[in-house]
Amino acid sequence: MSDTVNVGIIGCGNIAPQYVKGCGQFPLVHLIACADIDHQRAEQFAAEHNLQALSIADLLAHPEIEIIINLTIPRAHVDVSLDIINAGKHVYSEKPLAVTREDGKRVLDAARKANVRVGCAPDTFLGGGIQTCRKLIDDGAIGTPIAATSFMANHGHESWHPNPAFYYAVGGGPLLDMGPYYLTALVTLLGPARRVSGSVKRSFETRIATSEGRRGQEIPVHVATHLTGVIDFVDGATVTMMKSFDVWQHRLPIIEIYGTEGTLSVPDPNRFDGVVQVWSSESRVWRNVPLTHAADVGRGIGVADMAYAIRSGRAHRASGDLAYHVLDVMQAVTESSQQGTHINITSTCERPAPLPVGLPAGVLDA
């Protein structure tokens, strides 16, 4: 593929530099401009990364930009994504796709009507850690998956994050903040979900920030901070999960997949690398498995995969349908707790295609 795909960014916050670095690993992707509601911040970001700083309106109207990356806060994702779609551009949004199913559906419906693509983070499942696990499962290393566990637990962000209040506002919390990483990895490994049961709680009315510059600030908590659930997958696996901002310390696994012939230890789905381990009924020992795919990639590989897909006409992997299905499952966890019953998942998605093995750096199609 000889021609590049021009890309712009809306939202020049903390995660934006990671996208510049990650997209820069792929020659097909040409990041040319940025915009922010705070234009001074956009100008500073542009100067640091050799980009053009534009107003949001001018970036949306730019005739040469094909993909716009939406790095705004979760509550703004839908409105900004719809603006991008209405401008005739493909949109790649940070997670979550939306805060509610209804808003997520609005984005997908608008994109279909406009004949543009929707992509959504996380794209960490395209890194060497999760892709190696995907290959092991597809190759039958643990037999047929029958169950799994998924745990993410810490004591929140107020001790270290420069703006921790965001994580306790609507659109935050451990489920919408970290759940997309774990659930996207699980759908990649096991396929779509069909039913959810959950229990959620808000353990504290307020949190006290101890991070530098925010010490002593009282943060109101508007979302559940401890969630547990069971997810039944279409192909038969049952997953037990916990997501929490209320746990000081633990010794739980991150993700483990239990199969008819063994167990797979999956690395942190918030990373692109990690240690992959397999225990088989034949060997009866844990062994480390060398990564089969590149781990020195970063946020932006999902954008690059979308760019390749646009040029070749294939489906892109970090798709809007995948992100919507993950959102559907997350919302069902809370609904199940509120209603005291299982929630059937009505959405579905294609299991993302695995990346080919042995691709050279900067290339995503064989």
Protein backbone atom coordinates (compact mmCIF):
# COMPACT_ATOMS: atom_id res chain seq x y z
CA MET A 1 0.00 0.00 0.00
CA SER A 2 1.75 3.12 -1.22
CA ASP A 3 -0.61 5.94 -0.21
CA THR A 4 -0.97 7.06 3.38
CA VAL A 5 -4.12 7.59 5.44
CA ASN A 6 -4.25 11.06 6.97
CA VAL A 7 -5.41 11.18 10.58
CA GLY A 8 -6.38 13.90 13.06
CA ILE A 9 -6.90 13.94 16.84
CA ILE A 10 -9.61 15.67 18.88
CA GLY A 11 -8.60 15.83 22.53
CA CYS A 12 -5.00 16.55 23.52
CA GLY A 13 -5.03 15.17 27.06
CA ASN A 14 -2.87 12.68 28.93
CA ILE A 15 -3.30 9.72 26.57
CA ALA A 16 -2.80 11.64 23.31
CA PRO A 17 1.03 11.32 23.25
CA GLN A 18 0.67 7.54 23.37
CA TYR A 19 -1.41 7.66 20.19
CA VAL A 20 1.15 9.83 18.45
CA LYS A 21 3.88 7.35 19.33
CA GLY A 22 1.78 4.28 18.51
CA CYS A 23 0.49 5.57 15.18
CA GLY A 24 4.02 6.63 14.29
CA GLN A 25 5.09 2.97 14.13
CA PHE A 26 3.00 2.46 10.98
CA PRO A 27 4.09 4.23 7.78
CA LEU A 28 0.55 3.93 6.37
CA VAL A 29 -0.76 6.26 9.10
CA HIS A 30 0.02 9.97 8.68
CA LEU A 31 -1.02 11.97 11.75
CA ILE A 32 -1.23 15.58 10.56
CA ALA A 33 -3.39 17.71 12.87
CA CYS A 34 -4.93 18.04 16.32
CA ALA A 35 -7.67 20.04 18.01
CA ASP A 36 -8.96 20.53 21.54
CA ILE A 37 -11.72 22.52 23.22
CA ASP A 38 -8.78 24.38 24.79
CA HIS A 39 -7.04 25.66 21.67
CA GLN A 40 -3.95 26.72 23.64
CA ARG A 41 -3.49 23.12 24.72
CA ALA A 42 -3.86 22.00 21.09
CA GLU A 43 -1.20 24.50 20.03
CA GLN A 44 1.19 23.28 22.70
CA PHE A 45 0.54 19.63 21.78
CA ALA A 46 1.02 20.39 18.09
CA ALA A 47 4.34 22.10 18.74
CA GLU A 48 5.56 19.14 20.80
CA HIS A 49 4.61 16.56 18.15
CA ASN A 50 5.11 18.40 14.87
CA LEU A 51 1.40 18.63 14.06
CA GLN A 52 -0.89 21.37 12.85
CA ALA A 53 -3.18 22.86 15.53
CA LEU A 54 -6.68 23.49 14.19
CA SER A 55 -10.02 24.46 15.61
CA ILE A 56 -12.36 21.50 16.05
CA ALA A 57 -14.53 22.82 13.20
CA ASP A 58 -11.56 23.16 10.86
CA LEU A 59 -10.26 19.70 11.71
CA LEU A 60 -13.70 18.20 11.01
CA ALA A 61 -13.81 20.00 7.68
CA HIS A 62 -10.24 19.17 6.63
CA PRO A 63 -10.57 17.65 3.13
CA GLU A 64 -7.51 15.37 3.42
CA ILE A 65 -8.21 13.78 6.81
CA GLU A 66 -9.90 10.35 6.62
CA ILE A 67 -9.82 9.17 10.27
CA ILE A 68 -10.30 11.28 13.39
CA ILE A 69 -9.28 9.86 16.76
CA ASN A 70 -11.70 10.89 19.53
CA LEU A 71 -9.73 11.27 22.78
CA THR A 72 -12.26 13.33 24.71
CA ILE A 73 -13.68 12.38 28.12
CA PRO A 74 -16.22 9.50 28.14
CA ARG A 75 -19.25 11.77 28.57
CA ALA A 76 -18.27 13.60 25.38
CA HIS A 77 -17.46 10.53 23.29
CA VAL A 78 -20.89 10.25 21.66
CA ASP A 79 -21.35 13.90 20.70
CA VAL A 80 -17.83 14.18 19.29
CA SER A 81 -18.09 10.84 17.46
CA LEU A 82 -21.37 11.94 15.89
CA ASP A 83 -19.77 15.23 14.78
CA ILE A 84 -16.94 13.24 13.17
CA ILE A 85 -19.37 10.91 11.41
CA ASN A 86 -21.54 13.81 10.22
CA ALA A 87 -18.39 15.34 8.73
CA GLY A 88 -17.98 12.20 6.62
CA LYS A 89 -14.91 10.92 8.49
CA HIS A 90 -14.16 7.52 9.99
CA VAL A 91 -14.03 7.75 13.80
CA TYR A 92 -11.78 5.89 16.21
CA SER A 93 -12.88 6.55 19.80
CA GLU A 94 -11.21 6.00 23.11
CA LYS A 95 -13.12 3.59 25.34
CA PRO A 96 -15.90 3.30 26.17
CA LEU A 97 -17.82 3.74 22.92
CA ALA A 98 -20.57 5.42 24.98
CA VAL A 99 -21.91 5.42 28.53
CA THR A 100 -25.24 3.82 27.57
CA ARG A 101 -26.41 1.31 24.97
CA GLU A 102 -28.77 3.89 23.50
CA ASP A 103 -25.95 6.32 22.80
CA GLY A 104 -23.69 3.57 21.49
CA LYS A 105 -26.41 2.53 19.05
CA ARG A 106 -26.79 6.14 17.89
CA VAL A 107 -23.11 6.17 16.91
CA LEU A 108 -23.27 2.86 15.03
CA ASP A 109 -26.51 3.77 13.25
CA ALA A 110 -25.15 7.15 12.17
CA ALA A 111 -21.96 5.54 10.84
CA ARG A 112 -23.88 2.97 8.81
CA LYS A 113 -26.05 5.72 7.33
CA ALA A 114 -22.97 7.80 6.46
CA ASN A 115 -21.04 4.75 5.17
CA VAL A 116 -18.08 5.38 7.45
CA ARG A 117 -16.33 3.14 9.96
CA VAL A 118 -16.36 3.19 13.76
CA GLY A 119 -13.35 1.93 15.64
CA CYS A 120 -12.89 1.94 19.39
CA ALA A 121 -10.27 1.28 22.03
CA PRO A 122 -8.94 -0.75 23.61
CA ASP A 123 -6.56 -2.08 20.98
CA THR A 124 -4.30 -3.78 23.54
CA PHE A 125 -5.70 -7.13 22.39
CA LEU A 126 -3.65 -6.64 19.21
CA GLY A 127 -0.43 -6.79 21.20
CA GLY A 128 1.82 -9.81 21.56
CA GLY A 129 0.40 -10.96 24.91
CA ILE A 130 -3.27 -11.43 23.95
CA GLN A 131 -2.49 -12.46 20.36
CA THR A 132 -0.23 -15.24 21.65
CA CYS A 133 -3.04 -16.44 23.92
CA ARG A 134 -5.46 -16.33 20.99
CA LYS A 135 -3.15 -18.51 18.91
CA LEU A 136 -2.73 -21.00 21.78
CA ILE A 137 -6.50 -21.35 22.16
CA ASP A 138 -7.05 -21.63 18.40
CA ASP A 139 -4.30 -24.27 18.21
CA GLY A 140 -5.94 -26.34 20.97
CA ALA A 141 -3.21 -25.90 23.59
CA ILE A 142 -5.73 -26.18 26.45
CA GLY A 143 -8.47 -28.07 24.61
CA THR A 144 -11.93 -26.51 24.57
CA PRO A 145 -12.35 -23.51 26.90
CA ILE A 146 -14.99 -24.24 29.53
CA ALA A 147 -14.50 -21.46 32.10
CA ALA A 148 -12.40 -18.44 33.00
CA THR A 149 -11.70 -15.90 35.73
CA SER A 150 -11.09 -12.18 35.29
CA PHE A 151 -9.96 -9.92 38.15
CA MET A 152 -8.99 -6.24 38.33
CA ALA A 153 -8.76 -4.79 41.81
CA ASN A 154 -6.99 -1.81 43.32
CA HIS A 155 -7.86 1.06 45.64
CA GLY A 156 -8.65 3.68 43.06
CA HIS A 157 -6.81 6.57 41.48
CA GLU A 158 -6.97 9.27 44.15
CA SER A 159 -3.49 8.46 45.49
CA TRP A 160 -1.65 9.10 42.22
CA HIS A 161 -3.77 10.50 39.36
CA PRO A 162 -3.61 14.27 38.64
CA ASN A 163 -7.39 14.35 38.04
CA PRO A 164 -8.90 11.46 40.03
CA ALA A 165 -12.44 12.89 40.22
CA PHE A 166 -13.03 11.77 36.63
CA TYR A 167 -12.86 8.11 37.73
CA TYR A 168 -15.75 8.51 40.18
CA ALA A 169 -18.04 10.49 37.86
CA VAL A 170 -20.61 9.12 35.43
CA GLY A 171 -18.67 7.34 32.71
CA GLY A 172 -15.96 6.28 35.16
CA GLY A 173 -15.75 3.57 37.80
CA PRO A 174 -13.87 0.29 37.50
CA LEU A 175 -16.39 -1.22 35.06
CA LEU A 176 -16.41 1.45 32.34
CA ASP A 177 -12.80 2.46 32.97
CA MET A 178 -11.09 -0.93 33.11
CA GLY A 179 -13.82 -3.35 32.05
CA PRO A 180 -13.31 -2.72 28.31
CA TYR A 181 -9.75 -4.08 28.48
CA TYR A 182 -10.77 -7.31 30.17
CA LEU A 183 -14.00 -7.90 28.28
CA THR A 184 -12.47 -7.11 24.89
CA ALA A 185 -9.70 -9.61 25.62
CA LEU A 186 -12.26 -12.22 26.69
CA VAL A 187 -14.36 -11.74 23.54
CA THR A 188 -11.17 -12.02 21.49
CA LEU A 189 -10.30 -15.29 23.21
CA LEU A 190 -13.75 -16.83 23.74
CA GLY A 191 -16.17 -15.09 21.36
CA PRO A 192 -19.32 -13.10 22.21
CA ALA A 193 -21.33 -13.30 25.44
CA ARG A 194 -24.97 -14.38 25.78
CA ARG A 195 -26.01 -13.83 29.44
CA VAL A 196 -24.87 -11.89 32.50
CA SER A 197 -25.56 -11.87 36.21
CA GLY A 198 -24.01 -9.26 38.46
CA SER A 199 -23.82 -7.57 41.84
CA VAL A 200 -22.54 -4.02 42.26
CA LYS A 201 -22.03 -1.59 45.13
CA ARG A 202 -20.76 1.90 45.86
CA SER A 203 -18.66 1.34 48.97
CA PHE A 204 -17.89 4.96 49.85
CA GLU A 205 -19.89 8.17 49.38
CA THR A 206 -16.69 10.18 48.93
CA ARG A 207 -12.96 9.60 48.40
CA ILE A 208 -10.11 11.82 49.62
CA ALA A 209 -7.40 12.62 47.11
CA THR A 210 -3.79 12.24 48.21
CA SER A 211 -2.17 12.79 44.81
CA GLU A 212 0.17 15.72 44.26
CA GLY A 213 -1.74 18.94 43.67
CA ARG A 214 -5.06 17.41 44.85
CA ARG A 215 -4.18 16.39 48.41
CA GLY A 216 -7.17 16.69 50.73
CA GLN A 217 -9.72 17.21 47.95
CA GLU A 218 -13.02 15.45 48.66
CA ILE A 219 -14.27 13.55 45.63
CA PRO A 220 -17.98 12.62 45.43
CA VAL A 221 -18.54 9.06 44.20
CA HIS A 222 -21.34 8.76 41.63
CA VAL A 223 -20.71 5.23 40.35
CA ALA A 224 -20.40 1.68 41.65
CA THR A 225 -16.84 0.97 42.77
CA HIS A 226 -17.02 -2.80 43.37
CA LEU A 227 -18.62 -5.13 40.84
CA THR A 228 -18.78 -8.90 40.58
CA GLY A 229 -20.47 -11.00 37.94
CA VAL A 230 -20.77 -14.16 35.93
CA ILE A 231 -20.80 -14.07 32.13
CA ASP A 232 -21.98 -17.00 30.04
CA PHE A 233 -20.49 -17.05 26.54
CA VAL A 234 -22.21 -18.25 23.37
CA ASP A 235 -19.69 -21.06 22.86
CA GLY A 236 -20.23 -22.40 26.39
CA ALA A 237 -17.53 -20.89 28.59
CA THR A 238 -18.56 -19.32 31.90
CA VAL A 239 -16.48 -16.42 33.25
CA THR A 240 -16.32 -15.22 36.86
CA MET A 241 -15.20 -11.59 37.13
CA MET A 242 -14.52 -8.85 39.66
CA LYS A 243 -13.70 -5.19 38.99
CA SER A 244 -12.99 -3.00 42.01
CA PHE A 245 -11.58 0.32 43.23
CA ASP A 246 -12.09 -0.81 46.84
CA VAL A 247 -9.37 -3.42 47.33
CA TRP A 248 -6.07 -2.52 49.01
CA GLN A 249 -4.22 -5.68 48.02
CA HIS A 250 -4.88 -9.17 46.64
CA ARG A 251 -3.24 -12.28 45.11
CA LEU A 252 -5.82 -12.98 42.42
CA PRO A 253 -4.92 -13.92 38.83
CA ILE A 254 -5.50 -11.37 36.08
CA ILE A 255 -7.20 -13.63 33.53
CA GLU A 256 -7.08 -17.43 33.45
CA ILE A 257 -8.77 -19.60 30.84
CA TYR A 258 -9.65 -23.16 31.92
CA GLY A 259 -9.90 -25.74 29.17
CA THR A 260 -10.64 -29.44 28.87
CA GLU A 261 -6.89 -30.15 28.56
CA GLY A 262 -5.22 -27.40 30.58
CA THR A 263 -5.08 -23.81 31.82
CA LEU A 264 -3.90 -20.62 30.15
CA SER A 265 -2.59 -17.68 32.19
CA VAL A 266 -3.31 -14.47 30.26
CA PRO A 267 -1.23 -11.31 30.88
CA ASP A 268 -2.60 -7.88 31.81
CA PRO A 269 -5.01 -6.84 29.02
CA ASN A 270 -4.16 -3.19 29.68
CA ARG A 271 -0.72 -3.91 28.20
CA PHE A 272 0.54 -5.08 24.83
CA ASP A 273 3.14 -7.47 26.25
CA GLY A 274 3.30 -9.73 29.30
CA VAL A 275 4.15 -13.27 30.33
CA VAL A 276 1.99 -16.04 28.86
CA GLN A 277 1.93 -19.37 30.70
CA VAL A 278 0.28 -22.72 29.95
CA TRP A 279 -0.35 -25.70 32.22
CA SER A 280 -1.37 -28.84 30.36
CA SER A 281 -2.78 -32.11 31.65
CA GLU A 282 0.01 -33.81 29.73
CA SER A 283 3.02 -31.94 31.15
CA ARG A 284 1.45 -31.04 34.53
CA VAL A 285 3.81 -28.08 34.93
CA TRP A 286 3.52 -24.39 34.17
CA ARG A 287 5.63 -23.32 31.21
CA ASN A 288 6.30 -19.88 29.77
CA VAL A 289 5.31 -19.50 26.12
CA PRO A 290 7.35 -17.15 23.90
CA LEU A 291 5.23 -14.42 22.36
CA THR A 292 4.22 -15.18 18.78
CA HIS A 293 3.42 -11.56 17.89
CA ALA A 294 5.06 -8.18 18.37
CA ALA A 295 4.73 -6.66 21.84
CA ASP A 296 6.60 -3.41 21.12
CA VAL A 297 3.46 -1.75 19.74
CA GLY A 298 1.20 0.73 21.49
CA ARG A 299 -2.07 2.60 21.50
CA GLY A 300 -2.68 3.45 17.88
CA ILE A 301 -2.31 -0.05 16.47
CA GLY A 302 -6.11 -0.17 16.30
CA VAL A 303 -6.11 3.04 14.25
CA ALA A 304 -3.44 1.57 11.97
CA ASP A 305 -5.47 -1.62 11.55
CA MET A 306 -8.46 0.52 10.57
CA ALA A 307 -6.31 2.36 8.02
CA TYR A 308 -5.18 -0.93 6.49
CA ALA A 309 -8.80 -2.12 6.44
CA ILE A 310 -9.98 1.04 4.69
CA ARG A 311 -7.40 0.56 1.96
CA SER A 312 -7.97 -3.20 1.52
CA GLY A 313 -11.72 -3.34 2.12
CA ARG A 314 -11.50 -5.92 4.93
CA ALA A 315 -13.06 -5.63 8.41
CA HIS A 316 -11.03 -3.83 11.04
CA ARG A 317 -10.48 -5.58 14.35
CA ALA A 318 -11.10 -2.93 17.04
CA SER A 319 -14.57 -2.36 15.63
CA GLY A 320 -17.61 -0.42 16.78
CA ASP A 321 -19.64 -3.63 16.91
CA LEU A 322 -17.09 -5.18 19.28
CA ALA A 323 -17.07 -2.06 21.47
CA TYR A 324 -20.88 -1.96 21.52
CA HIS A 325 -21.09 -5.62 22.56
CA VAL A 326 -18.64 -4.94 25.41
CA LEU A 327 -20.72 -1.90 26.44
CA ASP A 328 -23.86 -4.05 26.35
CA VAL A 329 -22.26 -6.60 28.68
CA MET A 330 -21.03 -3.92 31.08
CA GLN A 331 -24.42 -2.25 31.31
CA ALA A 332 -26.04 -5.68 31.86
CA VAL A 333 -23.86 -6.24 34.96
CA THR A 334 -25.39 -3.20 36.65
CA GLU A 335 -28.91 -4.00 35.43
CA SER A 336 -28.66 -7.54 36.75
CA SER A 337 -27.74 -6.23 40.20
CA GLN A 338 -30.59 -3.73 40.17
CA GLN A 339 -33.19 -6.20 38.90
CA GLY A 340 -32.01 -9.31 40.73
CA THR A 341 -32.05 -11.49 37.64
CA HIS A 342 -29.97 -12.70 34.70
CA ILE A 343 -29.80 -10.29 31.76
CA ASN A 344 -29.75 -11.81 28.28
CA ILE A 345 -27.33 -10.10 25.89
CA THR A 346 -29.12 -9.20 22.66
CA SER A 347 -26.11 -7.78 20.82
CA THR A 348 -23.37 -9.82 19.24
CA CYS A 349 -20.19 -9.30 17.25
CA GLU A 350 -17.69 -11.20 15.18
CA ARG A 351 -14.73 -12.53 17.13
CA PRO A 352 -11.90 -10.27 15.85
CA ALA A 353 -9.67 -12.02 13.34
CA PRO A 354 -6.24 -12.92 14.75
CA LEU A 355 -3.23 -11.03 13.47
CA PRO A 356 -1.07 -13.04 11.07
CA VAL A 357 2.13 -14.40 12.57
CA GLY A 358 5.49 -13.09 11.37
CA LEU A 359 4.51 -9.67 10.03
CA PRO A 360 7.38 -7.19 9.71
CA ALA A 361 7.36 -4.11 11.92
CA GLY A 362 4.91 -1.44 10.82
CA VAL A 363 2.79 -3.82 8.74
CA LEU A 364 -0.61 -5.30 9.65
CA ASP A 365 -1.59 -7.19 6.50
CA ALA A 366 0.23 -10.25 5.17
